[in-house]
Structure formats: C-alpha cells, structure tokens
Amino acid sequence: MGLVLDALGYRQFQDWPGERSWRPGTTYLVVEQSPDLTADRQDRCRPGLNHLAFHVGGGSAVDQFVNEAASHGWFLMYPADHPYAGGSDIHAAYLSNKDGYEVELVATDT
C-alpha cells in the first residue's frame, strides 16, 4: 500500500506493530492488521474492505503508474478492458498486489 500512497503524494506518518499511517496534509489514512484475523490473506470478495479509490492528475498519470506497477509488486486487473474497466467515460486502473489488496486510480481529467 505504501508504494501507491507514496506515488500519490502521501507520506508515511506513523508506524506501529500491525499498523501504519500516511498523510497527504492534515488528514491521514491508517491501515491496521486486526489482532482477530480469521484468514491468512486479504480477500476483496469477502465482507470488509473491497478496495480504495484515488483520483490522480489525468489519464497519463494513470498510465504511467500502470507501466511502473509490476516492478513494485502490483498487477493490472481487467487488462482486456483497461483503461475503461469502470465504464467508457472513466479512465482508470484497477491494480492488485500479492496480498490481495486492490486500489483504483481514476483520472481527474482525460
């Protein structure tokens, strides 16, 4: 998750055992591993968090991130429909990593 957040301008703010936070300014985002895990891996199809979506500068920013994602452990979901997997008027990338987390990067303009 840090790679995505760092690329979007967030900076790591705090780090505790099982938790980490990032902030882009005065707000922050915390990712925490539950002490009561019932599975050994994230599954976006189970109840709970499915994915996080972020707006990025534009279509070229989405495409640049996709081009660099694999070298950082993220892979493109729905490659046959990319960059319009979210609809014909939405330039976006859906990425997942080996841990099962998904992020959506949406262009603010195309």
N, C-alpha and C. Protein backbone atom coordinates (compact mmCIF):
# COMPACT_ATOMS: atom_id res chain seq x y z
N MET A 1 0.83 -1.19 0.00
CA MET A 1 0.00 0.00 0.00
C MET A 1 0.87 1.25 0.00
N GLY A 2 2.02 1.18 0.64
CA GLY A 2 2.90 2.35 0.72
C GLY A 2 3.33 2.86 -0.64
N LEU A 3 3.62 1.98 -1.57
CA LEU A 3 4.03 2.39 -2.91
C LEU A 3 2.97 3.26 -3.55
N VAL A 4 1.72 2.83 -3.49
CA VAL A 4 0.63 3.58 -4.10
C VAL A 4 0.47 4.93 -3.42
N LEU A 5 0.43 4.92 -2.10
CA LEU A 5 0.23 6.17 -1.37
C LEU A 5 1.41 7.12 -1.57
N ASP A 6 2.62 6.62 -1.56
CA ASP A 6 3.79 7.47 -1.80
C ASP A 6 3.71 8.13 -3.18
N ALA A 7 3.32 7.35 -4.18
CA ALA A 7 3.22 7.88 -5.54
C ALA A 7 2.13 8.94 -5.67
N LEU A 8 1.13 8.88 -4.79
CA LEU A 8 0.04 9.85 -4.83
C LEU A 8 0.29 11.06 -3.92
N GLY A 9 1.49 11.15 -3.35
CA GLY A 9 1.83 12.31 -2.54
C GLY A 9 1.62 12.15 -1.05
N TYR A 10 1.17 10.99 -0.61
CA TYR A 10 1.05 10.73 0.82
C TYR A 10 2.45 10.43 1.37
N ARG A 11 2.68 10.76 2.61
CA ARG A 11 3.95 10.44 3.25
C ARG A 11 3.67 9.63 4.51
N GLN A 12 4.53 8.63 4.75
CA GLN A 12 4.33 7.83 5.95
C GLN A 12 4.39 8.73 7.16
N PHE A 13 3.42 8.55 8.05
CA PHE A 13 3.27 9.41 9.21
C PHE A 13 3.60 8.67 10.50
N GLN A 14 3.02 7.48 10.67
CA GLN A 14 3.24 6.70 11.89
C GLN A 14 3.43 5.23 11.53
N ASP A 15 4.07 4.50 12.43
CA ASP A 15 4.32 3.08 12.19
C ASP A 15 4.34 2.38 13.55
N TRP A 16 3.36 1.49 13.75
CA TRP A 16 3.27 0.69 14.97
C TRP A 16 3.21 -0.77 14.57
N PRO A 17 3.40 -1.69 15.48
CA PRO A 17 3.25 -3.11 15.14
C PRO A 17 1.84 -3.38 14.59
N GLY A 18 1.74 -3.84 13.36
CA GLY A 18 0.47 -4.14 12.74
C GLY A 18 -0.29 -2.95 12.20
N GLU A 19 0.26 -1.75 12.29
CA GLU A 19 -0.42 -0.54 11.82
C GLU A 19 0.59 0.41 11.18
N ARG A 20 0.09 1.17 10.22
CA ARG A 20 0.91 2.21 9.60
C ARG A 20 -0.04 3.30 9.11
N SER A 21 0.40 4.54 9.15
CA SER A 21 -0.44 5.62 8.65
C SER A 21 0.35 6.48 7.66
N TRP A 22 -0.40 7.11 6.76
CA TRP A 22 0.15 8.04 5.77
C TRP A 22 -0.72 9.28 5.78
N ARG A 23 -0.11 10.40 5.41
CA ARG A 23 -0.89 11.63 5.32
C ARG A 23 -0.43 12.47 4.14
N PRO A 24 -1.40 13.09 3.46
CA PRO A 24 -1.07 13.98 2.36
C PRO A 24 -1.04 15.45 2.81
N GLY A 25 -1.47 15.71 3.99
CA GLY A 25 -1.57 17.07 4.54
C GLY A 25 -2.02 16.95 5.97
N THR A 26 -3.21 17.49 6.26
CA THR A 26 -3.69 17.46 7.64
C THR A 26 -4.54 16.23 7.95
N THR A 27 -5.00 15.51 6.94
CA THR A 27 -5.75 14.28 7.17
C THR A 27 -4.80 13.09 7.06
N TYR A 28 -5.23 11.93 7.53
CA TYR A 28 -4.36 10.76 7.38
C TYR A 28 -5.18 9.50 7.22
N LEU A 29 -4.53 8.48 6.69
CA LEU A 29 -5.12 7.18 6.42
C LEU A 29 -4.33 6.15 7.22
N VAL A 30 -5.04 5.31 7.96
CA VAL A 30 -4.39 4.27 8.76
C VAL A 30 -4.79 2.91 8.21
N VAL A 31 -3.80 2.04 8.03
CA VAL A 31 -4.02 0.65 7.65
C VAL A 31 -3.60 -0.17 8.85
N GLU A 32 -4.51 -1.03 9.30
CA GLU A 32 -4.27 -1.79 10.52
C GLU A 32 -4.58 -3.27 10.29
N GLN A 33 -3.73 -4.13 10.80
CA GLN A 33 -3.98 -5.56 10.76
C GLN A 33 -4.70 -5.95 12.04
N SER A 34 -5.85 -6.56 11.89
CA SER A 34 -6.65 -6.94 13.05
C SER A 34 -5.94 -8.01 13.87
N PRO A 35 -6.01 -7.92 15.20
CA PRO A 35 -5.45 -8.99 16.03
C PRO A 35 -6.34 -10.24 16.00
N ASP A 36 -7.55 -10.13 15.44
CA ASP A 36 -8.51 -11.24 15.41
C ASP A 36 -8.70 -11.78 14.00
N LEU A 37 -7.61 -11.97 13.28
CA LEU A 37 -7.70 -12.46 11.90
C LEU A 37 -8.37 -13.82 11.85
N THR A 38 -9.24 -14.01 10.85
CA THR A 38 -9.88 -15.30 10.64
C THR A 38 -9.38 -15.96 9.36
N ALA A 39 -8.49 -15.29 8.65
CA ALA A 39 -7.88 -15.85 7.43
C ALA A 39 -6.45 -15.34 7.36
N ASP A 40 -5.65 -15.97 6.53
CA ASP A 40 -4.25 -15.56 6.43
C ASP A 40 -3.98 -14.61 5.27
N ARG A 41 -5.06 -14.17 4.58
CA ARG A 41 -4.87 -13.30 3.42
C ARG A 41 -6.11 -12.45 3.20
N GLN A 42 -5.89 -11.23 2.69
CA GLN A 42 -6.98 -10.33 2.31
C GLN A 42 -7.74 -10.94 1.13
N ASP A 43 -9.05 -10.87 1.17
CA ASP A 43 -9.87 -11.33 0.07
C ASP A 43 -10.93 -10.27 -0.18
N ARG A 44 -10.78 -9.54 -1.27
CA ARG A 44 -11.67 -8.42 -1.55
C ARG A 44 -13.10 -8.85 -1.82
N CYS A 45 -13.34 -10.15 -1.97
CA CYS A 45 -14.69 -10.66 -2.22
C CYS A 45 -15.42 -11.04 -0.94
N ARG A 46 -14.71 -11.06 0.19
CA ARG A 46 -15.34 -11.33 1.48
C ARG A 46 -15.84 -10.03 2.08
N PRO A 47 -16.68 -10.10 3.10
CA PRO A 47 -17.12 -8.87 3.77
C PRO A 47 -15.92 -8.07 4.25
N GLY A 48 -16.04 -6.77 4.19
CA GLY A 48 -14.97 -5.88 4.61
C GLY A 48 -14.53 -4.99 3.46
N LEU A 49 -13.34 -4.51 3.57
CA LEU A 49 -12.81 -3.59 2.57
C LEU A 49 -12.62 -4.28 1.23
N ASN A 50 -13.20 -3.69 0.18
CA ASN A 50 -13.02 -4.22 -1.18
C ASN A 50 -11.82 -3.55 -1.83
N HIS A 51 -11.84 -2.23 -1.90
CA HIS A 51 -10.70 -1.51 -2.46
C HIS A 51 -10.78 -0.04 -2.09
N LEU A 52 -9.66 0.64 -2.30
CA LEU A 52 -9.60 2.09 -2.12
C LEU A 52 -9.46 2.72 -3.49
N ALA A 53 -10.12 3.85 -3.70
CA ALA A 53 -10.02 4.57 -4.97
C ALA A 53 -9.44 5.95 -4.71
N PHE A 54 -8.56 6.37 -5.63
CA PHE A 54 -7.91 7.67 -5.52
C PHE A 54 -7.99 8.39 -6.86
N HIS A 55 -8.23 9.69 -6.83
CA HIS A 55 -8.12 10.50 -8.03
C HIS A 55 -6.66 10.84 -8.26
N VAL A 56 -6.22 10.77 -9.52
CA VAL A 56 -4.87 11.18 -9.90
C VAL A 56 -5.00 12.26 -10.97
N GLY A 57 -3.90 12.88 -11.33
CA GLY A 57 -3.91 14.04 -12.21
C GLY A 57 -4.62 13.89 -13.53
N GLY A 58 -4.45 12.80 -14.22
CA GLY A 58 -5.07 12.63 -15.53
C GLY A 58 -4.77 11.26 -16.08
N GLY A 59 -5.24 11.03 -17.30
CA GLY A 59 -5.05 9.74 -17.94
C GLY A 59 -3.59 9.34 -18.06
N SER A 60 -2.73 10.30 -18.35
CA SER A 60 -1.31 9.96 -18.48
C SER A 60 -0.71 9.55 -17.14
N ALA A 61 -1.19 10.12 -16.04
CA ALA A 61 -0.71 9.73 -14.71
C ALA A 61 -1.16 8.31 -14.39
N VAL A 62 -2.39 7.97 -14.75
CA VAL A 62 -2.88 6.60 -14.56
C VAL A 62 -2.01 5.63 -15.35
N ASP A 63 -1.78 5.95 -16.61
CA ASP A 63 -1.00 5.06 -17.48
C ASP A 63 0.44 4.91 -17.00
N GLN A 64 1.04 5.99 -16.53
CA GLN A 64 2.41 5.91 -16.02
C GLN A 64 2.47 4.99 -14.81
N PHE A 65 1.51 5.11 -13.92
CA PHE A 65 1.51 4.24 -12.75
C PHE A 65 1.36 2.78 -13.14
N VAL A 66 0.48 2.50 -14.11
CA VAL A 66 0.30 1.12 -14.58
C VAL A 66 1.61 0.58 -15.15
N ASN A 67 2.31 1.41 -15.91
CA ASN A 67 3.58 0.98 -16.52
C ASN A 67 4.64 0.64 -15.48
N GLU A 68 4.60 1.28 -14.33
CA GLU A 68 5.60 1.06 -13.28
C GLU A 68 5.13 0.07 -12.21
N ALA A 69 3.85 -0.25 -12.19
CA ALA A 69 3.27 -1.03 -11.10
C ALA A 69 3.88 -2.42 -10.94
N ALA A 70 4.08 -3.13 -12.04
CA ALA A 70 4.57 -4.51 -11.96
C ALA A 70 5.93 -4.59 -11.28
N SER A 71 6.77 -3.61 -11.52
CA SER A 71 8.10 -3.64 -10.91
C SER A 71 8.04 -3.39 -9.40
N HIS A 72 6.86 -3.03 -8.90
CA HIS A 72 6.68 -2.80 -7.47
C HIS A 72 5.69 -3.77 -6.84
N GLY A 73 5.36 -4.86 -7.56
CA GLY A 73 4.51 -5.89 -6.98
C GLY A 73 3.02 -5.72 -7.19
N TRP A 74 2.60 -4.80 -8.03
CA TRP A 74 1.19 -4.60 -8.32
C TRP A 74 0.92 -5.04 -9.75
N PHE A 75 -0.24 -5.65 -9.99
CA PHE A 75 -0.57 -6.05 -11.35
C PHE A 75 -1.92 -5.48 -11.75
N LEU A 76 -2.07 -5.29 -13.04
CA LEU A 76 -3.28 -4.70 -13.60
C LEU A 76 -4.40 -5.73 -13.62
N MET A 77 -5.51 -5.38 -13.06
CA MET A 77 -6.71 -6.21 -13.12
C MET A 77 -7.49 -5.82 -14.38
N TYR A 78 -8.22 -6.73 -14.94
CA TYR A 78 -9.06 -6.48 -16.11
C TYR A 78 -8.29 -5.88 -17.29
N PRO A 79 -7.14 -6.45 -17.66
CA PRO A 79 -6.31 -5.86 -18.72
C PRO A 79 -7.03 -5.73 -20.06
N ALA A 80 -7.96 -6.60 -20.37
CA ALA A 80 -8.67 -6.52 -21.64
C ALA A 80 -9.57 -5.28 -21.71
N ASP A 81 -9.99 -4.77 -20.56
CA ASP A 81 -10.87 -3.61 -20.53
C ASP A 81 -10.16 -2.31 -20.16
N HIS A 82 -8.89 -2.41 -19.83
CA HIS A 82 -8.12 -1.22 -19.41
C HIS A 82 -7.98 -0.26 -20.58
N PRO A 83 -8.09 1.04 -20.39
CA PRO A 83 -8.29 1.78 -19.14
C PRO A 83 -9.74 2.13 -18.84
N TYR A 84 -10.70 1.43 -19.47
CA TYR A 84 -12.11 1.77 -19.28
C TYR A 84 -12.90 0.65 -18.59
N ALA A 85 -12.24 -0.10 -17.69
CA ALA A 85 -12.92 -1.18 -16.97
C ALA A 85 -14.05 -0.65 -16.10
N GLY A 86 -13.97 0.61 -15.70
CA GLY A 86 -15.01 1.22 -14.86
C GLY A 86 -16.12 1.87 -15.66
N GLY A 87 -16.01 1.85 -16.97
CA GLY A 87 -17.01 2.47 -17.85
C GLY A 87 -16.33 3.24 -18.96
N SER A 88 -17.04 3.46 -20.05
CA SER A 88 -16.44 4.07 -21.24
C SER A 88 -16.03 5.52 -21.04
N ASP A 89 -16.53 6.17 -20.00
CA ASP A 89 -16.18 7.57 -19.76
C ASP A 89 -15.27 7.76 -18.55
N ILE A 90 -14.73 6.66 -18.01
CA ILE A 90 -13.87 6.74 -16.82
C ILE A 90 -12.52 6.12 -17.13
N HIS A 91 -11.47 6.96 -17.20
CA HIS A 91 -10.10 6.48 -17.43
C HIS A 91 -9.55 6.08 -16.07
N ALA A 92 -9.39 4.78 -15.86
CA ALA A 92 -8.98 4.29 -14.54
C ALA A 92 -8.14 3.04 -14.67
N ALA A 93 -7.45 2.72 -13.59
CA ALA A 93 -6.70 1.47 -13.49
C ALA A 93 -7.09 0.80 -12.19
N TYR A 94 -7.32 -0.49 -12.27
CA TYR A 94 -7.58 -1.30 -11.10
C TYR A 94 -6.36 -2.18 -10.92
N LEU A 95 -5.68 -2.04 -9.78
CA LEU A 95 -4.45 -2.76 -9.51
C LEU A 95 -4.61 -3.60 -8.26
N SER A 96 -3.93 -4.74 -8.23
CA SER A 96 -3.94 -5.61 -7.07
C SER A 96 -2.51 -6.05 -6.78
N ASN A 97 -2.24 -6.38 -5.52
CA ASN A 97 -0.91 -6.88 -5.19
C ASN A 97 -1.01 -8.32 -4.68
N LYS A 98 0.13 -8.91 -4.38
CA LYS A 98 0.17 -10.32 -3.97
C LYS A 98 -0.58 -10.58 -2.67
N ASP A 99 -0.79 -9.55 -1.87
CA ASP A 99 -1.50 -9.70 -0.61
C ASP A 99 -3.01 -9.60 -0.78
N GLY A 100 -3.48 -9.35 -2.02
CA GLY A 100 -4.91 -9.30 -2.28
C GLY A 100 -5.55 -7.95 -2.12
N TYR A 101 -4.75 -6.91 -1.95
CA TYR A 101 -5.31 -5.56 -1.83
C TYR A 101 -5.52 -4.98 -3.22
N GLU A 102 -6.58 -4.21 -3.37
CA GLU A 102 -6.90 -3.58 -4.65
C GLU A 102 -6.98 -2.07 -4.47
N VAL A 103 -6.41 -1.36 -5.43
CA VAL A 103 -6.58 0.09 -5.50
C VAL A 103 -7.10 0.44 -6.88
N GLU A 104 -7.85 1.52 -6.91
CA GLU A 104 -8.38 2.06 -8.16
C GLU A 104 -7.80 3.46 -8.31
N LEU A 105 -7.18 3.73 -9.44
CA LEU A 105 -6.64 5.05 -9.73
C LEU A 105 -7.48 5.64 -10.84
N VAL A 106 -8.13 6.77 -10.57
CA VAL A 106 -9.07 7.38 -11.51
C VAL A 106 -8.53 8.73 -11.96
N ALA A 107 -8.52 8.96 -13.27
CA ALA A 107 -8.07 10.24 -13.80
C ALA A 107 -9.08 11.32 -13.47
N THR A 108 -8.59 12.46 -13.02
CA THR A 108 -9.49 13.59 -12.75
C THR A 108 -9.87 14.30 -14.03
N ASP A 109 -9.06 14.14 -15.08
CA ASP A 109 -9.39 14.64 -16.41
C ASP A 109 -8.74 13.70 -17.42
N THR A 110 -9.20 13.71 -18.64
CA THR A 110 -8.63 12.82 -19.65
C THR A 110 -8.06 13.60 -20.81
